[in-house]
Each structure stands twice: as C-alpha cells, then as structure tokens.
Amino acid sequence: MTTRERKTSFALLLGSTLTLTSAHAASPLPSAAACATPITAAGTYRELSVPGAKQTEARGVNNRGDIVGFYAEAQDQLHGFLYASGVLTTIDVPDADWTVATDINNSGTIVGYFADRGLGLAHGFVLRHGTFSTIDAPGAFVTEINAINSRGDIVGTALEPNGDTGTNVGFVRYRDSSFERIAIGMHSYVADINDRGDLLVNGNDLTGQFLRVHGEYHSIQACGAFAFRITNQLHLAGTTSGPSSGSVGFVLTPRSYLTYRYPGAAFTVLRDVNASGVVVGAADNVGFLFLPR
C-alpha cells in the first residue's frame, strides 16, 4: 500500500423489473410537507483544509467520525485522504494517475475510484486493512464507486459501451462479489446504499431520483433538491439552491428540513451525514465538518 501518513493535521477552523411508486401518505419517504418550513441547523462549522492544497472536499463520514474525501494540489493532481483521530493520511492507489476516496463504513473500509496510467480510465477501489482491491463492473470500461454500507455492499456508476459516448448505468456489488445492474431510463447511477440495502438511484434530468426500498422504487422530490446520501431511517442528505443565490446543504427527515450554509461561502454542498448528525461536505474550495449542537 502506498499511502503517505503525515504528522500534520487538517486546519480545523471555526467557522431488475422497475416498479415506480409516487411518494404518498403510505410511502416510507420523508414528507414533502417538511419542505415548507426549512430550519437552519444549529451547531459549529469547522474547515477541513489539506495544507498546500488548492481544493479540498470531504465526501464521507462514518459513525466514529472518520472522514474521507479528496484534495487537489496546485497542478490539479487529485489524492484521496482519510482524516481520523487528528491525523491526515493521503490515499494513493499504486500506479494511479489520481485517486478519489468517496466513502468509509463503520468498519473503516474505504472506497472510491482512480485513473490508471495507461488509458486514464477510471476503476473502483476498496481499501480494507491496508490492502487495495480493484473493482470493475462487468462489461464496463469505466467504473466509479460512490458508497459502501456496513455490510460491505458497494454501489456506483458503470460506463458501458454504446455508440460514441457509452451509457451510464448503476450497479450494486454485494459482499459475496455478485453484481446487480441498475438502469433507469437512458442514464442512471446508484449514489448510496444504507445498511438495510435500500438504494438511492439517480436517473437523468427527465427521470429524476428514486429510493428503492424492499425492491420497490419510489420517485422522490427532496424539496426540489439533489440528494447524495440516505440514512438507515431513509433521511435524505444533499444540496439545493440557496434562498437568493448559491447553494445550501440539507438533511430531510419525516419531521424536519434542516439546511446548512458554511459561513461566508457562496456554495455549500453537503455530502454525508452520520448517525450523530455530523455532516461533511465542501464549501467553495474547502472541505467542512459540521458538529450539531
């Protein structure tokens, strides 16, 4: 494993058959009524910046508070990172052009994707107990992993050959190494999977977003926003347009619609939330951590 552990820490600064079902009263989804009364989340923001990087983005956080993401050097070289117990570890897949870490589960297994040095095509990776494994979806020439649950199931995007540009489809790779292809409309991908195996599936602009719960697909609106994560309770987390400009993060539950704006930032993108309500994401060109009050 070619990870580099630095003794510096982040700057922590205050600051199948497709059955579609519309959301309704019996739906397991958060109620749209909560969207009418957004509440500003109360807590503390902290900046997560890799020293010397031009951009940092936090992508995933587990229930222990371990955070993964990526940062860009001045020459736009991308590296994954793990931030745990105050220590920053850079994650580089061996012989890769660049590496992005996207999620970490409660066992500490990290997933993401990297570009090979030959054709520059992306492949998924799993980093478990210091060992990298490459994951490629069957029949795909590009694979990106977006999330992993506590059971070790992973989800992502596969670019399959189709004409000049190919077709994006989603996939689930289960812990027994079997794959399930997920396709909705012309292009789709799977953004997240919770510990129960429920999926957050994104279609194109026409088909929108869906939750697959117990094998049944539910079309979701998420307050007109875009969700990146689902929790075990089917709460949605993501980003939406700000009241006047830019963007804010959100967490939508059956009873509340919490919004997050990093102080002074025009754009706040919320990428993940853990069971304690800790959220991570990016604000303009820095990563951030939010600790609820």
C-alpha atoms as a PDB file:
ATOM      1  CA  MET A   1       0.000   0.000   0.000  1.00  0.00           C
ATOM      2  CA  THR A   2       1.392   3.391  -0.973  1.00  0.00           C
ATOM      3  CA  THR A   3      -0.378   5.633   1.481  1.00  0.00           C
ATOM      4  CA  ARG A   4       1.521   8.503   2.978  1.00  0.00           C
ATOM      5  CA  GLU A   5       0.805   9.413   6.599  1.00  0.00           C
ATOM      6  CA  ARG A   6       1.621  12.974   7.531  1.00  0.00           C
ATOM      7  CA  LYS A   7       2.057  14.189  11.063  1.00  0.00           C
ATOM      8  CA  THR A   8       0.329  17.455  10.230  1.00  0.00           C
ATOM      9  CA  SER A   9      -3.403  17.602  10.780  1.00  0.00           C
ATOM     10  CA  PHE A  10      -6.105  19.466   8.905  1.00  0.00           C
ATOM     11  CA  ALA A  11      -6.561  23.109   9.689  1.00  0.00           C
ATOM     12  CA  LEU A  12      -9.604  22.946  11.959  1.00  0.00           C
ATOM     13  CA  LEU A  13     -11.044  26.413  11.895  1.00  0.00           C
ATOM     14  CA  LEU A  14     -14.287  27.514  13.480  1.00  0.00           C
ATOM     15  CA  GLY A  15     -16.421  28.892  11.040  1.00  0.00           C
ATOM     16  CA  SER A  16     -34.217  -5.674 -12.481  1.00  0.00           C
ATOM     17  CA  THR A  17     -38.096  -5.078 -13.062  1.00  0.00           C
ATOM     18  CA  LEU A  18     -38.675  -1.484 -12.374  1.00  0.00           C
ATOM     19  CA  THR A  19     -41.757  -0.716 -10.277  1.00  0.00           C
ATOM     20  CA  LEU A  20     -42.244   3.008  -9.776  1.00  0.00           C
ATOM     21  CA  THR A  21     -44.323   4.357  -6.915  1.00  0.00           C
ATOM     22  CA  SER A  22     -45.021   8.037  -6.306  1.00  0.00           C
ATOM     23  CA  ALA A  23     -44.481   9.384  -2.813  1.00  0.00           C
ATOM     24  CA  HIS A  24     -47.759   9.386  -0.854  1.00  0.00           C
ATOM     25  CA  ALA A  25     -49.091   9.053   2.682  1.00  0.00           C
ATOM     26  CA  ALA A  26     -48.123   5.392   2.948  1.00  0.00           C
ATOM     27  CA  SER A  27     -44.705   5.949   1.424  1.00  0.00           C
ATOM     28  CA  PRO A  28     -41.583   5.349   3.529  1.00  0.00           C
ATOM     29  CA  LEU A  29     -40.150   8.631   2.243  1.00  0.00           C
ATOM     30  CA  PRO A  30     -39.824  11.900   4.154  1.00  0.00           C
ATOM     31  CA  SER A  31     -42.939  14.019   3.856  1.00  0.00           C
ATOM     32  CA  ALA A  32     -42.852  16.887   1.358  1.00  0.00           C
ATOM     33  CA  ALA A  33     -44.695  18.998   3.935  1.00  0.00           C
ATOM     34  CA  ALA A  34     -41.421  19.438   5.824  1.00  0.00           C
ATOM     35  CA  CYS A  35     -40.016  21.366   2.855  1.00  0.00           C
ATOM     36  CA  ALA A  36     -42.306  24.303   3.568  1.00  0.00           C
ATOM     37  CA  THR A  37     -40.574  25.152   6.844  1.00  0.00           C
ATOM     38  CA  PRO A  38     -36.761  24.940   6.474  1.00  0.00           C
ATOM     39  CA  ILE A  39     -34.808  25.201   9.735  1.00  0.00           C
ATOM     40  CA  THR A  40     -31.216  26.417   9.909  1.00  0.00           C
ATOM     41  CA  ALA A  41     -29.147  23.701  11.581  1.00  0.00           C
ATOM     42  CA  ALA A  42     -27.623  24.762  14.905  1.00  0.00           C
ATOM     43  CA  GLY A  43     -24.022  23.799  15.573  1.00  0.00           C
ATOM     44  CA  THR A  44     -20.390  24.527  14.771  1.00  0.00           C
ATOM     45  CA  TYR A  45     -18.674  24.536  11.383  1.00  0.00           C
ATOM     46  CA  ARG A  46     -15.006  23.643  11.055  1.00  0.00           C
ATOM     47  CA  GLU A  47     -12.907  23.995   7.973  1.00  0.00           C
ATOM     48  CA  LEU A  48     -11.125  20.897   6.663  1.00  0.00           C
ATOM     49  CA  SER A  49      -8.186  22.013   4.544  1.00  0.00           C
ATOM     50  CA  VAL A  50      -5.225  19.946   3.427  1.00  0.00           C
ATOM     51  CA  PRO A  51      -2.134  22.164   3.829  1.00  0.00           C
ATOM     52  CA  GLY A  52      -0.956  23.459   0.438  1.00  0.00           C
ATOM     53  CA  ALA A  53      -3.963  22.149  -1.500  1.00  0.00           C
ATOM     54  CA  LYS A  54      -5.965  24.374  -3.854  1.00  0.00           C
ATOM     55  CA  GLN A  55      -9.179  22.431  -3.193  1.00  0.00           C
ATOM     56  CA  THR A  56     -10.416  20.022  -0.524  1.00  0.00           C
ATOM     57  CA  GLU A  57     -13.705  18.129  -0.455  1.00  0.00           C
ATOM     58  CA  ALA A  58     -14.988  15.834   2.294  1.00  0.00           C
ATOM     59  CA  ARG A  59     -17.118  13.048   0.816  1.00  0.00           C
ATOM     60  CA  GLY A  60     -17.930  10.553   3.557  1.00  0.00           C
ATOM     61  CA  VAL A  61     -18.098  10.221   7.353  1.00  0.00           C
ATOM     62  CA  ASN A  62     -18.743   7.120   9.444  1.00  0.00           C
ATOM     63  CA  ASN A  63     -20.267   6.847  12.916  1.00  0.00           C
ATOM     64  CA  ARG A  64     -16.797   7.042  14.535  1.00  0.00           C
ATOM     65  CA  GLY A  65     -16.261  10.441  12.903  1.00  0.00           C
ATOM     66  CA  ASP A  66     -13.615   9.230  10.414  1.00  0.00           C
ATOM     67  CA  ILE A  67     -13.741  11.349   7.247  1.00  0.00           C
ATOM     68  CA  VAL A  68     -12.659  10.599   3.686  1.00  0.00           C
ATOM     69  CA  GLY A  69     -12.527  12.720   0.565  1.00  0.00           C
ATOM     70  CA  PHE A  70     -10.042  14.158  -1.879  1.00  0.00           C
ATOM     71  CA  TYR A  71      -7.838  17.182  -2.399  1.00  0.00           C
ATOM     72  CA  ALA A  72      -6.229  18.823  -5.412  1.00  0.00           C
ATOM     73  CA  GLU A  73      -2.646  20.041  -5.488  1.00  0.00           C
ATOM     74  CA  ALA A  74      -1.612  23.193  -7.333  1.00  0.00           C
ATOM     75  CA  GLN A  75      -1.057  21.127 -10.514  1.00  0.00           C
ATOM     76  CA  ASP A  76      -4.605  19.675 -10.186  1.00  0.00           C
ATOM     77  CA  GLN A  77      -3.290  16.264  -9.122  1.00  0.00           C
ATOM     78  CA  LEU A  78      -6.026  14.543  -7.093  1.00  0.00           C
ATOM     79  CA  HIS A  79      -5.352  12.483  -3.979  1.00  0.00           C
ATOM     80  CA  GLY A  80      -7.716  10.722  -1.633  1.00  0.00           C
ATOM     81  CA  PHE A  81      -7.466  11.279   2.099  1.00  0.00           C
ATOM     82  CA  LEU A  82      -8.512   9.797   5.421  1.00  0.00           C
ATOM     83  CA  TYR A  83      -8.820  12.067   8.442  1.00  0.00           C
ATOM     84  CA  ALA A  84      -9.093  10.120  11.703  1.00  0.00           C
ATOM     85  CA  SER A  85      -8.120  10.991  15.279  1.00  0.00           C
ATOM     86  CA  GLY A  86      -6.478  14.219  14.149  1.00  0.00           C
ATOM     87  CA  VAL A  87      -4.169  12.547  11.604  1.00  0.00           C
ATOM     88  CA  LEU A  88      -4.290  13.054   7.849  1.00  0.00           C
ATOM     89  CA  THR A  89      -3.405  10.056   5.676  1.00  0.00           C
ATOM     90  CA  THR A  90      -3.060  10.572   1.933  1.00  0.00           C
ATOM     91  CA  ILE A  91      -4.525   7.722  -0.110  1.00  0.00           C
ATOM     92  CA  ASP A  92      -2.963   6.966  -3.497  1.00  0.00           C
ATOM     93  CA  VAL A  93      -3.782   3.762  -5.349  1.00  0.00           C
ATOM     94  CA  PRO A  94      -0.459   2.289  -6.551  1.00  0.00           C
ATOM     95  CA  ASP A  95       0.496   3.373 -10.109  1.00  0.00           C
ATOM     96  CA  ALA A  96      -2.618   5.555 -10.459  1.00  0.00           C
ATOM     97  CA  ASP A  97      -2.749   8.950 -12.154  1.00  0.00           C
ATOM     98  CA  TRP A  98      -5.108  10.217  -9.473  1.00  0.00           C
ATOM     99  CA  THR A  99      -7.267   8.895  -6.618  1.00  0.00           C
ATOM    100  CA  VAL A 100     -10.597   9.984  -5.089  1.00  0.00           C
ATOM    101  CA  ALA A 101     -11.988   8.482  -1.862  1.00  0.00           C
ATOM    102  CA  THR A 102     -15.777   8.670  -1.631  1.00  0.00           C
ATOM    103  CA  ASP A 103     -16.978   6.795   1.461  1.00  0.00           C
ATOM    104  CA  ILE A 104     -15.955   4.914   4.610  1.00  0.00           C
ATOM    105  CA  ASN A 105     -18.064   2.445   6.576  1.00  0.00           C
ATOM    106  CA  ASN A 106     -18.151   1.810  10.302  1.00  0.00           C
ATOM    107  CA  SER A 107     -15.509  -0.920   9.996  1.00  0.00           C
ATOM    108  CA  GLY A 108     -13.092   1.548   8.399  1.00  0.00           C
ATOM    109  CA  THR A 109     -13.258   0.137   4.868  1.00  0.00           C
ATOM    110  CA  ILE A 110     -12.726   2.918   2.322  1.00  0.00           C
ATOM    111  CA  VAL A 111     -14.000   3.031  -1.261  1.00  0.00           C
ATOM    112  CA  GLY A 112     -13.525   5.343  -4.222  1.00  0.00           C
ATOM    113  CA  TYR A 113     -12.095   5.370  -7.724  1.00  0.00           C
ATOM    114  CA  PHE A 114      -8.839   6.076  -9.543  1.00  0.00           C
ATOM    115  CA  ALA A 115      -7.466   6.594 -13.037  1.00  0.00           C
ATOM    116  CA  ASP A 116      -4.959   4.142 -14.487  1.00  0.00           C
ATOM    117  CA  ARG A 117      -1.726   5.428 -16.010  1.00  0.00           C
ATOM    118  CA  GLY A 118      -2.335   3.720 -19.329  1.00  0.00           C
ATOM    119  CA  LEU A 119      -5.577   4.972 -20.895  1.00  0.00           C
ATOM    120  CA  GLY A 120      -6.559   7.192 -17.960  1.00  0.00           C
ATOM    121  CA  LEU A 121      -9.802   5.246 -17.428  1.00  0.00           C
ATOM    122  CA  ALA A 122     -11.433   5.127 -14.005  1.00  0.00           C
ATOM    123  CA  HIS A 123     -11.700   1.977 -11.885  1.00  0.00           C
ATOM    124  CA  GLY A 124     -13.255   1.459  -8.481  1.00  0.00           C
ATOM    125  CA  PHE A 125     -11.196   0.542  -5.444  1.00  0.00           C
ATOM    126  CA  VAL A 126     -11.758  -0.910  -1.982  1.00  0.00           C
ATOM    127  CA  LEU A 127      -9.166  -0.270   0.734  1.00  0.00           C
ATOM    128  CA  ARG A 128      -9.517  -2.749   3.589  1.00  0.00           C
ATOM    129  CA  HIS A 129      -6.917  -3.432   6.303  1.00  0.00           C
ATOM    130  CA  GLY A 130      -4.244  -1.645   4.269  1.00  0.00           C
ATOM    131  CA  THR A 131      -4.857  -3.630   1.073  1.00  0.00           C
ATOM    132  CA  PHE A 132      -6.246  -2.233  -2.186  1.00  0.00           C
ATOM    133  CA  SER A 133      -8.643  -4.216  -4.384  1.00  0.00           C
ATOM    134  CA  THR A 134      -9.664  -3.019  -7.859  1.00  0.00           C
ATOM    135  CA  ILE A 135     -13.365  -3.265  -8.753  1.00  0.00           C
ATOM    136  CA  ASP A 136     -14.653  -3.158 -12.339  1.00  0.00           C
ATOM    137  CA  ALA A 137     -18.339  -3.629 -13.141  1.00  0.00           C
ATOM    138  CA  PRO A 138     -18.984  -6.404 -15.679  1.00  0.00           C
ATOM    139  CA  GLY A 139     -18.933  -5.143 -19.266  1.00  0.00           C
ATOM    140  CA  ALA A 140     -17.929  -1.588 -18.295  1.00  0.00           C
ATOM    141  CA  PHE A 141     -14.848   0.335 -19.397  1.00  0.00           C
ATOM    142  CA  VAL A 142     -15.226   2.936 -16.609  1.00  0.00           C
ATOM    143  CA  THR A 143     -16.237   2.164 -13.014  1.00  0.00           C
ATOM    144  CA  GLU A 144     -16.711   4.632 -10.148  1.00  0.00           C
ATOM    145  CA  ILE A 145     -17.669   3.576  -6.615  1.00  0.00           C
ATOM    146  CA  ASN A 146     -19.824   6.035  -4.690  1.00  0.00           C
ATOM    147  CA  ALA A 147     -20.644   4.375  -1.368  1.00  0.00           C
ATOM    148  CA  ILE A 148     -20.285   1.355   0.933  1.00  0.00           C
ATOM    149  CA  ASN A 149     -22.530   0.186   3.759  1.00  0.00           C
ATOM    150  CA  SER A 150     -21.628  -1.570   6.996  1.00  0.00           C
ATOM    151  CA  ARG A 151     -22.263  -4.984   5.419  1.00  0.00           C
ATOM    152  CA  GLY A 152     -19.642  -4.323   2.746  1.00  0.00           C
ATOM    153  CA  ASP A 153     -22.062  -3.865  -0.158  1.00  0.00           C
ATOM    154  CA  ILE A 154     -20.864  -1.153  -2.563  1.00  0.00           C
ATOM    155  CA  VAL A 155     -22.635   0.925  -5.210  1.00  0.00           C
ATOM    156  CA  GLY A 156     -21.580   3.135  -8.057  1.00  0.00           C
ATOM    157  CA  THR A 157     -21.591   4.025 -11.730  1.00  0.00           C
ATOM    158  CA  ALA A 158     -20.522   1.979 -14.743  1.00  0.00           C
ATOM    159  CA  LEU A 159     -19.963   3.370 -18.237  1.00  0.00           C
ATOM    160  CA  GLU A 160     -20.924   0.680 -20.726  1.00  0.00           C
ATOM    161  CA  PRO A 161     -20.092   0.696 -24.460  1.00  0.00           C
ATOM    162  CA  ASN A 162     -22.905   2.217 -26.521  1.00  0.00           C
ATOM    163  CA  GLY A 163     -22.138   4.214 -29.672  1.00  0.00           C
ATOM    164  CA  ASP A 164     -19.609   7.020 -29.395  1.00  0.00           C
ATOM    165  CA  THR A 165     -20.135   8.041 -25.770  1.00  0.00           C
ATOM    166  CA  GLY A 166     -21.426   4.982 -23.906  1.00  0.00           C
ATOM    167  CA  THR A 167     -24.247   4.644 -21.387  1.00  0.00           C
ATOM    168  CA  ASN A 168     -24.072   5.214 -17.627  1.00  0.00           C
ATOM    169  CA  VAL A 169     -25.769   2.558 -15.507  1.00  0.00           C
ATOM    170  CA  GLY A 170     -25.772   1.962 -11.784  1.00  0.00           C
ATOM    171  CA  PHE A 171     -24.617  -1.155 -10.023  1.00  0.00           C
ATOM    172  CA  VAL A 172     -24.555  -2.905  -6.676  1.00  0.00           C
ATOM    173  CA  ARG A 173     -21.661  -5.197  -5.824  1.00  0.00           C
ATOM    174  CA  TYR A 174     -22.751  -7.317  -2.896  1.00  0.00           C
ATOM    175  CA  ARG A 175     -20.427  -8.657  -0.238  1.00  0.00           C
ATOM    176  CA  ASP A 176     -20.470 -12.081  -1.927  1.00  0.00           C
ATOM    177  CA  SER A 177     -18.910 -10.367  -5.007  1.00  0.00           C
ATOM    178  CA  SER A 178     -22.074 -10.714  -7.126  1.00  0.00           C
ATOM    179  CA  PHE A 179     -23.208  -7.715  -9.180  1.00  0.00           C
ATOM    180  CA  GLU A 180     -26.658  -6.253  -9.835  1.00  0.00           C
ATOM    181  CA  ARG A 181     -27.083  -3.872 -12.778  1.00  0.00           C
ATOM    182  CA  ILE A 182     -29.395  -0.885 -12.065  1.00  0.00           C
ATOM    183  CA  ALA A 183     -30.753   1.035 -15.075  1.00  0.00           C
ATOM    184  CA  ILE A 184     -33.481   3.690 -15.138  1.00  0.00           C
ATOM    185  CA  GLY A 185     -34.033   5.446 -18.459  1.00  0.00           C
ATOM    186  CA  MET A 186     -31.100   6.297 -20.710  1.00  0.00           C
ATOM    187  CA  HIS A 187     -28.551   7.047 -17.982  1.00  0.00           C
ATOM    188  CA  SER A 188     -28.510   6.281 -14.270  1.00  0.00           C
ATOM    189  CA  TYR A 189     -26.246   5.565 -11.320  1.00  0.00           C
ATOM    190  CA  VAL A 190     -26.529   4.443  -7.708  1.00  0.00           C
ATOM    191  CA  ALA A 191     -25.450   7.165  -5.288  1.00  0.00           C
ATOM    192  CA  ASP A 192     -25.820   5.379  -1.952  1.00  0.00           C
ATOM    193  CA  ILE A 193     -26.833   2.211  -0.121  1.00  0.00           C
ATOM    194  CA  ASN A 194     -27.787   2.052   3.545  1.00  0.00           C
ATOM    195  CA  ASP A 195     -27.251  -0.815   5.985  1.00  0.00           C
ATOM    196  CA  ARG A 196     -30.672  -2.292   5.146  1.00  0.00           C
ATOM    197  CA  GLY A 197     -29.795  -2.450   1.465  1.00  0.00           C
ATOM    198  CA  ASP A 198     -32.073   0.409   0.363  1.00  0.00           C
ATOM    199  CA  LEU A 199     -30.725   2.309  -2.652  1.00  0.00           C
ATOM    200  CA  LEU A 200     -30.609   5.953  -3.701  1.00  0.00           C
ATOM    201  CA  VAL A 201     -30.730   5.859  -7.511  1.00  0.00           C
ATOM    202  CA  ASN A 202     -30.228   8.851  -9.786  1.00  0.00           C
ATOM    203  CA  GLY A 203     -31.638   8.937 -13.292  1.00  0.00           C
ATOM    204  CA  ASN A 204     -31.136  11.657 -15.870  1.00  0.00           C
ATOM    205  CA  ASP A 205     -32.782  15.084 -15.726  1.00  0.00           C
ATOM    206  CA  LEU A 206     -36.058  13.643 -17.026  1.00  0.00           C
ATOM    207  CA  THR A 207     -36.406  10.641 -14.737  1.00  0.00           C
ATOM    208  CA  GLY A 208     -35.112  12.255 -11.520  1.00  0.00           C
ATOM    209  CA  GLN A 209     -34.173  10.451  -8.297  1.00  0.00           C
ATOM    210  CA  PHE A 210     -35.559   7.307  -6.700  1.00  0.00           C
ATOM    211  CA  LEU A 211     -35.352   5.333  -3.496  1.00  0.00           C
ATOM    212  CA  ARG A 212     -35.519   1.559  -3.818  1.00  0.00           C
ATOM    213  CA  VAL A 213     -36.984   0.194  -0.592  1.00  0.00           C
ATOM    214  CA  HIS A 214     -37.686  -3.562  -0.283  1.00  0.00           C
ATOM    215  CA  GLY A 215     -37.297  -3.835  -4.053  1.00  0.00           C
ATOM    216  CA  GLU A 216     -39.855  -1.126  -4.850  1.00  0.00           C
ATOM    217  CA  TYR A 217     -38.850   2.162  -6.483  1.00  0.00           C
ATOM    218  CA  HIS A 218     -40.259   5.419  -5.119  1.00  0.00           C
ATOM    219  CA  SER A 219     -39.876   8.658  -7.047  1.00  0.00           C
ATOM    220  CA  ILE A 220     -38.555  11.380  -4.732  1.00  0.00           C
ATOM    221  CA  GLN A 221     -38.548  15.158  -4.922  1.00  0.00           C
ATOM    222  CA  ALA A 222     -36.398  16.009  -1.872  1.00  0.00           C
ATOM    223  CA  CYS A 223     -37.724  19.574  -1.718  1.00  0.00           C
ATOM    224  CA  GLY A 224     -36.663  20.176  -5.306  1.00  0.00           C
ATOM    225  CA  ALA A 225     -33.082  19.431  -4.282  1.00  0.00           C
ATOM    226  CA  PHE A 226     -30.479  16.768  -5.083  1.00  0.00           C
ATOM    227  CA  ALA A 227     -29.719  14.030  -2.574  1.00  0.00           C
ATOM    228  CA  PHE A 228     -26.322  12.338  -2.246  1.00  0.00           C
ATOM    229  CA  ARG A 229     -26.995  10.084   0.776  1.00  0.00           C
ATOM    230  CA  ILE A 230     -29.718   8.120   2.524  1.00  0.00           C
ATOM    231  CA  THR A 231     -29.578   7.030   6.150  1.00  0.00           C
ATOM    232  CA  ASN A 232     -30.877   3.817   7.700  1.00  0.00           C
ATOM    233  CA  GLN A 233     -34.014   5.794   8.605  1.00  0.00           C
ATOM    234  CA  LEU A 234     -34.385   6.927   4.938  1.00  0.00           C
ATOM    235  CA  HIS A 235     -33.440  10.503   5.745  1.00  0.00           C
ATOM    236  CA  LEU A 236     -32.056  12.311   2.696  1.00  0.00           C
ATOM    237  CA  ALA A 237     -28.921  14.468   2.614  1.00  0.00           C
ATOM    238  CA  GLY A 238     -27.651  16.622  -0.221  1.00  0.00           C
ATOM    239  CA  THR A 239     -27.673  20.122  -1.664  1.00  0.00           C
ATOM    240  CA  THR A 240     -30.179  22.593  -3.040  1.00  0.00           C
ATOM    241  CA  SER A 241     -30.341  26.161  -4.333  1.00  0.00           C
ATOM    242  CA  GLY A 242     -29.898  28.900  -1.750  1.00  0.00           C
ATOM    243  CA  PRO A 243     -32.727  31.324  -0.897  1.00  0.00           C
ATOM    244  CA  SER A 244     -31.262  34.045  -3.138  1.00  0.00           C
ATOM    245  CA  SER A 245     -28.129  32.589  -4.769  1.00  0.00           C
ATOM    246  CA  GLY A 246     -25.538  29.852  -4.483  1.00  0.00           C
ATOM    247  CA  SER A 247     -26.389  26.585  -2.744  1.00  0.00           C
ATOM    248  CA  VAL A 248     -27.002  25.186   0.728  1.00  0.00           C
ATOM    249  CA  GLY A 249     -26.827  21.688   2.174  1.00  0.00           C
ATOM    250  CA  PHE A 250     -29.850  19.904   3.594  1.00  0.00           C
ATOM    251  CA  VAL A 251     -30.967  16.910   5.642  1.00  0.00           C
ATOM    252  CA  LEU A 252     -34.624  15.964   5.144  1.00  0.00           C
ATOM    253  CA  THR A 253     -36.434  13.763   7.684  1.00  0.00           C
ATOM    254  CA  PRO A 254     -40.166  12.999   8.052  1.00  0.00           C
ATOM    255  CA  ARG A 255     -40.473  15.856  10.537  1.00  0.00           C
ATOM    256  CA  SER A 256     -37.814  18.404   9.647  1.00  0.00           C
ATOM    257  CA  TYR A 257     -35.910  20.051   6.823  1.00  0.00           C
ATOM    258  CA  LEU A 258     -32.528  21.214   8.132  1.00  0.00           C
ATOM    259  CA  THR A 259     -30.384  23.497   5.977  1.00  0.00           C
ATOM    260  CA  TYR A 260     -26.640  24.159   6.186  1.00  0.00           C
ATOM    261  CA  ARG A 261     -24.640  27.122   4.869  1.00  0.00           C
ATOM    262  CA  TYR A 262     -20.950  27.363   5.646  1.00  0.00           C
ATOM    263  CA  PRO A 263     -20.183  30.872   6.972  1.00  0.00           C
ATOM    264  CA  GLY A 264     -19.145  33.239   4.180  1.00  0.00           C
ATOM    265  CA  ALA A 265     -19.430  30.623   1.416  1.00  0.00           C
ATOM    266  CA  ALA A 266     -21.482  31.111  -1.731  1.00  0.00           C
ATOM    267  CA  PHE A 267     -21.821  27.371  -2.341  1.00  0.00           C
ATOM    268  CA  THR A 268     -22.280  24.729   0.340  1.00  0.00           C
ATOM    269  CA  VAL A 269     -22.523  21.104  -0.790  1.00  0.00           C
ATOM    270  CA  LEU A 270     -23.450  18.546   1.872  1.00  0.00           C
ATOM    271  CA  ARG A 271     -22.042  15.116   1.016  1.00  0.00           C
ATOM    272  CA  ASP A 272     -22.756  12.858   4.002  1.00  0.00           C
ATOM    273  CA  VAL A 273     -24.307  12.671   7.469  1.00  0.00           C
ATOM    274  CA  ASN A 274     -23.660  10.120  10.221  1.00  0.00           C
ATOM    275  CA  ALA A 275     -25.907   8.738  12.952  1.00  0.00           C
ATOM    276  CA  SER A 276     -24.943  11.567  15.351  1.00  0.00           C
ATOM    277  CA  GLY A 277     -25.927  14.288  12.888  1.00  0.00           C
ATOM    278  CA  VAL A 278     -22.331  15.177  11.977  1.00  0.00           C
ATOM    279  CA  VAL A 279     -22.239  16.319   8.355  1.00  0.00           C
ATOM    280  CA  VAL A 280     -19.370  16.798   5.914  1.00  0.00           C
ATOM    281  CA  GLY A 281     -19.040  18.384   2.509  1.00  0.00           C
ATOM    282  CA  ALA A 282     -17.469  21.232   0.596  1.00  0.00           C
ATOM    283  CA  ALA A 283     -17.879  24.996   0.716  1.00  0.00           C
ATOM    284  CA  ASP A 284     -16.416  26.847  -2.253  1.00  0.00           C
ATOM    285  CA  ASN A 285     -12.881  25.332  -2.359  1.00  0.00           C
ATOM    286  CA  VAL A 286     -12.585  23.982   1.180  1.00  0.00           C
ATOM    287  CA  GLY A 287     -13.982  20.953   2.923  1.00  0.00           C
ATOM    288  CA  PHE A 288     -16.007  21.293   6.098  1.00  0.00           C
ATOM    289  CA  LEU A 289     -17.217  19.418   9.127  1.00  0.00           C
ATOM    290  CA  PHE A 290     -20.396  20.392  10.997  1.00  0.00           C
ATOM    291  CA  LEU A 291     -20.917  19.382  14.625  1.00  0.00           C
ATOM    292  CA  PRO A 292     -24.554  19.666  15.762  1.00  0.00           C
ATOM    293  CA  ARG A 293     -25.349  21.465  18.975  1.00  0.00           C
END
